[in-house]
Amino acid sequence: MKVVLFCGGLGMRLYPSTKNIPKPLVNVGEKPLIWHLMKYYSNFGYKDFILCLGYKGEEIKRYFLDYNECLLSDFVLSNGGRNRTLIGDSEDDWSITFAETGINSNIGQRLKNVEKYLQ
């Protein structure tokens, strides 16, 4: 089953925290809110995500493209640095679809825009 997360709002209630980053990237502890939501769902076996992007969606894409789990986790480095084995839970089995759904779209429009990914 796929999990659709709506990441396109302006985050006005969190302003000024959302002036430079979108609400899903506001940190809760050391990790952004979106990571915590995805981790929660993955604990129940849901690891296929569709992110409905809008406001500052490129920042969310950049976060995941640059994401290095080893920087915040315990891991074992072996074979001259070529192998990395994380200790504990891992996000290696997550599948994330990044869908541009429009800056001014409402939730219903965003869901309709990703319908093709729900088949």
C-alpha atoms as a PDB file:
ATOM      1  CA  MET A   1       0.000   0.000   0.000  1.00  0.00           C
ATOM      2  CA  LYS A   2       1.240   3.479  -0.841  1.00  0.00           C
ATOM      3  CA  VAL A   3       1.257   6.386   1.573  1.00  0.00           C
ATOM      4  CA  VAL A   4       0.431   9.806   0.108  1.00  0.00           C
ATOM      5  CA  LEU A   5       1.942  12.723   2.024  1.00  0.00           C
ATOM      6  CA  PHE A   6       0.892  16.265   1.204  1.00  0.00           C
ATOM      7  CA  CYS A   7       4.001  18.456   1.230  1.00  0.00           C
ATOM      8  CA  GLY A   8       2.892  21.432  -0.815  1.00  0.00           C
ATOM      9  CA  GLY A   9       1.357  23.930   1.581  1.00  0.00           C
ATOM     10  CA  LEU A  10       2.868  27.284   2.435  1.00  0.00           C
ATOM     11  CA  GLY A  11       3.252  26.481   6.146  1.00  0.00           C
ATOM     12  CA  MET A  12       1.968  29.896   7.202  1.00  0.00           C
ATOM     13  CA  ARG A  13       1.335  28.880  10.812  1.00  0.00           C
ATOM     14  CA  LEU A  14       5.025  28.071  11.202  1.00  0.00           C
ATOM     15  CA  TYR A  15       6.269  31.304   9.663  1.00  0.00           C
ATOM     16  CA  PRO A  16       9.074  32.518   9.962  1.00  0.00           C
ATOM     17  CA  SER A  17      10.460  28.960  10.223  1.00  0.00           C
ATOM     18  CA  THR A  18       9.035  28.272   6.756  1.00  0.00           C
ATOM     19  CA  LYS A  19      10.411  31.392   5.100  1.00  0.00           C
ATOM     20  CA  ASN A  20      13.424  29.527   3.667  1.00  0.00           C
ATOM     21  CA  ILE A  21      12.349  25.877   3.935  1.00  0.00           C
ATOM     22  CA  PRO A  22       9.026  24.073   3.494  1.00  0.00           C
ATOM     23  CA  LYS A  23       7.123  22.872   6.548  1.00  0.00           C
ATOM     24  CA  PRO A  24       8.019  19.180   5.997  1.00  0.00           C
ATOM     25  CA  LEU A  25      11.700  20.078   6.431  1.00  0.00           C
ATOM     26  CA  VAL A  26      11.294  21.882   9.751  1.00  0.00           C
ATOM     27  CA  ASN A  27      13.415  19.920  12.193  1.00  0.00           C
ATOM     28  CA  VAL A  28      11.965  17.962  15.072  1.00  0.00           C
ATOM     29  CA  GLY A  29      15.080  17.045  16.997  1.00  0.00           C
ATOM     30  CA  GLU A  30      17.844  16.246  14.507  1.00  0.00           C
ATOM     31  CA  LYS A  31      15.585  15.179  11.617  1.00  0.00           C
ATOM     32  CA  PRO A  32      12.891  16.942   9.589  1.00  0.00           C
ATOM     33  CA  LEU A  33       9.179  16.412  10.193  1.00  0.00           C
ATOM     34  CA  ILE A  34       8.753  14.502   6.899  1.00  0.00           C
ATOM     35  CA  TRP A  35      11.374  11.960   7.964  1.00  0.00           C
ATOM     36  CA  HIS A  36       9.564  11.344  11.260  1.00  0.00           C
ATOM     37  CA  LEU A  37       6.240  10.792   9.445  1.00  0.00           C
ATOM     38  CA  MET A  38       7.814   8.372   6.993  1.00  0.00           C
ATOM     39  CA  LYS A  39       9.608   6.521   9.784  1.00  0.00           C
ATOM     40  CA  TYR A  40       6.324   6.178  11.672  1.00  0.00           C
ATOM     41  CA  TYR A  41       4.555   4.637   8.660  1.00  0.00           C
ATOM     42  CA  SER A  42       7.509   2.374   7.877  1.00  0.00           C
ATOM     43  CA  ASN A  43       7.321   0.938  11.412  1.00  0.00           C
ATOM     44  CA  PHE A  44       3.937  -0.484  10.375  1.00  0.00           C
ATOM     45  CA  GLY A  45       5.246  -1.869   7.080  1.00  0.00           C
ATOM     46  CA  TYR A  46       4.254   1.018   4.792  1.00  0.00           C
ATOM     47  CA  LYS A  47       7.410   1.902   2.873  1.00  0.00           C
ATOM     48  CA  ASP A  48       6.133   3.133  -0.493  1.00  0.00           C
ATOM     49  CA  PHE A  49       5.614   6.906  -0.351  1.00  0.00           C
ATOM     50  CA  ILE A  50       4.249   9.516  -2.723  1.00  0.00           C
ATOM     51  CA  LEU A  51       5.168  13.075  -1.811  1.00  0.00           C
ATOM     52  CA  CYS A  52       2.800  15.697  -3.263  1.00  0.00           C
ATOM     53  CA  LEU A  53       5.123  18.654  -3.715  1.00  0.00           C
ATOM     54  CA  GLY A  54       4.314  22.320  -4.116  1.00  0.00           C
ATOM     55  CA  TYR A  55       5.853  25.200  -2.149  1.00  0.00           C
ATOM     56  CA  LYS A  56       9.642  24.775  -2.120  1.00  0.00           C
ATOM     57  CA  GLY A  57       9.329  21.208  -3.398  1.00  0.00           C
ATOM     58  CA  GLU A  58      12.853  21.405  -4.782  1.00  0.00           C
ATOM     59  CA  GLU A  59      14.143  21.683  -1.202  1.00  0.00           C
ATOM     60  CA  ILE A  60      12.426  18.413  -0.278  1.00  0.00           C
ATOM     61  CA  LYS A  61      13.926  16.737  -3.346  1.00  0.00           C
ATOM     62  CA  ARG A  62      17.347  18.128  -2.457  1.00  0.00           C
ATOM     63  CA  TYR A  63      17.069  16.834   1.121  1.00  0.00           C
ATOM     64  CA  PHE A  64      16.470  13.271  -0.048  1.00  0.00           C
ATOM     65  CA  LEU A  65      18.998  13.422  -2.894  1.00  0.00           C
ATOM     66  CA  ASP A  66      21.691  14.560  -0.445  1.00  0.00           C
ATOM     67  CA  TYR A  67      20.505  12.312   2.404  1.00  0.00           C
ATOM     68  CA  ASN A  68      23.236  10.190   3.957  1.00  0.00           C
ATOM     69  CA  GLU A  69      21.893   7.952   6.676  1.00  0.00           C
ATOM     70  CA  CYS A  70      25.376   7.202   7.976  1.00  0.00           C
ATOM     71  CA  LEU A  71      25.848  10.790   9.138  1.00  0.00           C
ATOM     72  CA  LEU A  72      23.228  10.405  11.880  1.00  0.00           C
ATOM     73  CA  SER A  73      23.382   6.674  12.595  1.00  0.00           C
ATOM     74  CA  ASP A  74      25.789   4.103  13.933  1.00  0.00           C
ATOM     75  CA  PHE A  75      27.411   2.078  11.163  1.00  0.00           C
ATOM     76  CA  VAL A  76      30.266  -0.295  10.372  1.00  0.00           C
ATOM     77  CA  LEU A  77      32.737   0.617   7.634  1.00  0.00           C
ATOM     78  CA  SER A  78      34.576  -2.301   6.033  1.00  0.00           C
ATOM     79  CA  ASN A  79      36.408  -3.429   2.917  1.00  0.00           C
ATOM     80  CA  GLY A  80      38.564  -0.322   2.740  1.00  0.00           C
ATOM     81  CA  GLY A  81      35.573   1.982   3.061  1.00  0.00           C
ATOM     82  CA  ARG A  82      33.606   0.419   0.204  1.00  0.00           C
ATOM     83  CA  ASN A  83      30.993  -1.254   2.406  1.00  0.00           C
ATOM     84  CA  ARG A  84      28.773   0.504   4.902  1.00  0.00           C
ATOM     85  CA  THR A  85      26.475  -1.461   7.179  1.00  0.00           C
ATOM     86  CA  LEU A  86      24.020   0.486   9.283  1.00  0.00           C
ATOM     87  CA  ILE A  87      23.376  -0.672  12.805  1.00  0.00           C
ATOM     88  CA  GLY A  88      19.675  -0.692  13.643  1.00  0.00           C
ATOM     89  CA  ASP A  89      16.738   0.431  11.522  1.00  0.00           C
ATOM     90  CA  SER A  90      17.337   1.653   8.005  1.00  0.00           C
ATOM     91  CA  GLU A  91      15.481   3.593   5.323  1.00  0.00           C
ATOM     92  CA  ASP A  92      17.129   1.519   2.574  1.00  0.00           C
ATOM     93  CA  ASP A  93      13.842  -0.138   1.714  1.00  0.00           C
ATOM     94  CA  TRP A  94      11.847   3.081   1.274  1.00  0.00           C
ATOM     95  CA  SER A  95      10.512   3.909  -2.180  1.00  0.00           C
ATOM     96  CA  ILE A  96       9.697   7.596  -2.646  1.00  0.00           C
ATOM     97  CA  THR A  97       7.844   9.131  -5.610  1.00  0.00           C
ATOM     98  CA  PHE A  98       8.302  12.889  -5.868  1.00  0.00           C
ATOM     99  CA  ALA A  99       5.304  14.434  -7.638  1.00  0.00           C
ATOM    100  CA  GLU A 100       5.070  18.102  -8.548  1.00  0.00           C
ATOM    101  CA  THR A 101       1.411  18.887  -7.856  1.00  0.00           C
ATOM    102  CA  GLY A 102       1.417  22.687  -8.158  1.00  0.00           C
ATOM    103  CA  ILE A 103       2.063  25.523  -5.758  1.00  0.00           C
ATOM    104  CA  ASN A 104      -1.555  26.723  -5.543  1.00  0.00           C
ATOM    105  CA  SER A 105      -3.297  23.315  -5.624  1.00  0.00           C
ATOM    106  CA  ASN A 106      -5.589  22.272  -2.809  1.00  0.00           C
ATOM    107  CA  ILE A 107      -5.442  18.810  -1.235  1.00  0.00           C
ATOM    108  CA  GLY A 108      -8.090  17.353  -3.541  1.00  0.00           C
ATOM    109  CA  GLN A 109      -6.242  18.588  -6.634  1.00  0.00           C
ATOM    110  CA  ARG A 110      -2.966  17.205  -5.301  1.00  0.00           C
ATOM    111  CA  LEU A 111      -4.506  13.778  -4.734  1.00  0.00           C
ATOM    112  CA  LYS A 112      -6.044  13.803  -8.228  1.00  0.00           C
ATOM    113  CA  ASN A 113      -2.628  14.713  -9.689  1.00  0.00           C
ATOM    114  CA  VAL A 114      -0.982  11.635  -8.165  1.00  0.00           C
ATOM    115  CA  GLU A 115      -3.816   9.223  -8.978  1.00  0.00           C
ATOM    116  CA  LYS A 116      -1.703   7.760 -11.792  1.00  0.00           C
ATOM    117  CA  TYR A 117       0.917   6.664  -9.226  1.00  0.00           C
ATOM    118  CA  LEU A 118      -1.640   4.842  -7.084  1.00  0.00           C
ATOM    119  CA  GLN A 119      -2.402   2.106  -9.643  1.00  0.00           C
END
